Amino acid sequence: MTERNPLGVLSGPEKAAMFLLASGEEYASKMFAKLQMEEIKEITQTMSRLGVVPGEVVEALFRDFMQRVGGASGLVGSYESTERMLGQFLEPGKLATIMEEIRGPAGRTVWDKLGHVDEAMLAAYLKNEYPQTIAVVLSKIRSEHAARVLASLPEEAAVETVLRMLRMELVQKDILADVEETLRAEFMSNLARSHRRDNHEIMAEIFNYLDRATETRFFELLEQRSKESADRVRALMFTFEDLVKLDGAGIQVLLRNVDNSKLGLALKGASEKLRELFFGNMSERAAKILRDDMETMGPVRLRDVEDAQVMLVNTAKDLAAAGEVFIADGKDDEMLA
């Protein structure tokens, strides 16, 4: 008779939930920080349903973990695992640049690359192609990405593409090769050029991290040498007061991602318009608490206020890069992710 396995038929999420609970809050929080949002949701939902876990099961879980780790002859690193890890803390643009350099142009297919292209950008290119070509492209990329591209196409082109995809048989190798070559020669090369960042944009990001006094001093010096460059950098900078460009939903997302003590400190140096934007997107009780906290702070150092404001700005930019908030650029009705 075989020995009973205390782990039984536990699922992966159940094992992960038990492991994190048994690890304690300090270590669990560090591990949670490495997970994707969907993984966090799945594990926390599983945690809430666990109930009482017998000690023998917990012991067996850790024993199993130690055997797997201790028995491993090595670790396997891959492009995908590296990309997932870097994606935890790098914005999409920087991540794409690094991964492209790691693997090189020959290491990834056109279809892999298209899977990371913004759907609106890809749709804007494909709308000028034959419906049959669009059908081939959409059949080769991930379904969820194809759906977003399809929704971004002009209605007539989208419907015609759907009909072609429904009637499409196995694509011949030579036709597929032609489509790949066209995409590589035209779209992907143009995309690479369009992603090459302007030097003024890079400098604007650097200036965003300067304290107010240093920023002012540098602008004065730069204006003496090149007023045009100074004006371009200033126009590209995203400042604390630019947070007024966030809509109500964006402000609420930002509020969920910042510490209240930092928020109160940052708002100490904000315009009344920006203060009211934040207060107006909080519950009446939360707004009152924050106002009271700001009043009881008393005098605060300008440098501390500026540091808190920089933290809020960078959090907003990270959220925008992740597509969680949208920042209006002030031109017409367009929105910038």
Foldseek 3Di string as FASTA:
>chain_A
DDDDQLLPPDDPLLLVLLVLVVVDDVVSVVVLLLDDPVSVVSNVVSNVVPPDDDPVNSVSSVVVVCCVVVVDPDDDDDLVVVLSRVVSPDFLLVSVVVSCVVQDPVRDAPQVVVQSDDLLLVLVVCLPPDLLLLLVSLVSHDVVSSVSNLVNHPPVSSVSNVVNNVVDDDDDPVVVVVSRVCCVVPVVVVVVVVSPDDPLLVVLVVLLPDFPVVSVVVLVVVCVVPVPSSVSNVLNHCFLQLCLQWDLQLLVVLVVVDDLVLVLLLCLPYDPSVLCSNLVSDPVVVSVVSVVVNVVVPDDDSVSNSVSSSVSRVSSVSCLSVVNTWGPSPPDPDIHD
